[in-house]
Amino acid sequence: MKPYVHTQVGSVLLAIYGVVIPIVVYLVGVTGFALLPLAALILVVLAAVAFATLRVSVDDRIILIRFGPGVFSRAFSLGDIDTHEVVRNRWYYGLGIRYIPGGWLFAVSGLSAVELQMKNGKRYRIGTDDPEGLSDAITEALRGSRG
């Protein structure tokens, strides 16, 4: 199978960081580099870098998801997947790495996702702006690994 690789940019998160970072920079300047605003600035910048993108790759063995430069990542073995389907997340599930009703969500933007139902009963949702492409890649990879 041809490996699937897709990177989604978290435009909503980047827009939020684009508003928050200047405010925190201003507060750091006004307070004369006080520890609390400076620590907040560092945390916000690190979060912006860590969650700016979500890269999903599928090959003949695993599905790998990686946020930003790879500080947060997760691999799913194809052999552990029972089923998968394209789903739509509720807006209040949020973005990032979140526990949601029924399982875990990994997302940086939008409401579309592919849900993995694992053989052990756990569920994971991978947010994507290419749900059909990701689902097709998983179908092809599963067909190759089981056939």
Foldseek 3Di string as FASTA:
>chain_A
DDKDKDKDFLPVLVVVLVVVLVVLVVVCVVVVNDPVSVVVNVVSVVCCQQAGMWMWMDDLFWIKIAGHPRPDIDIDGLVFFDDKDKDFADPVQDADWGADVQAIEHHRDHGIWMWTQTPVRGIYTYDDPCRVVVRVRSVVSNVNNVD
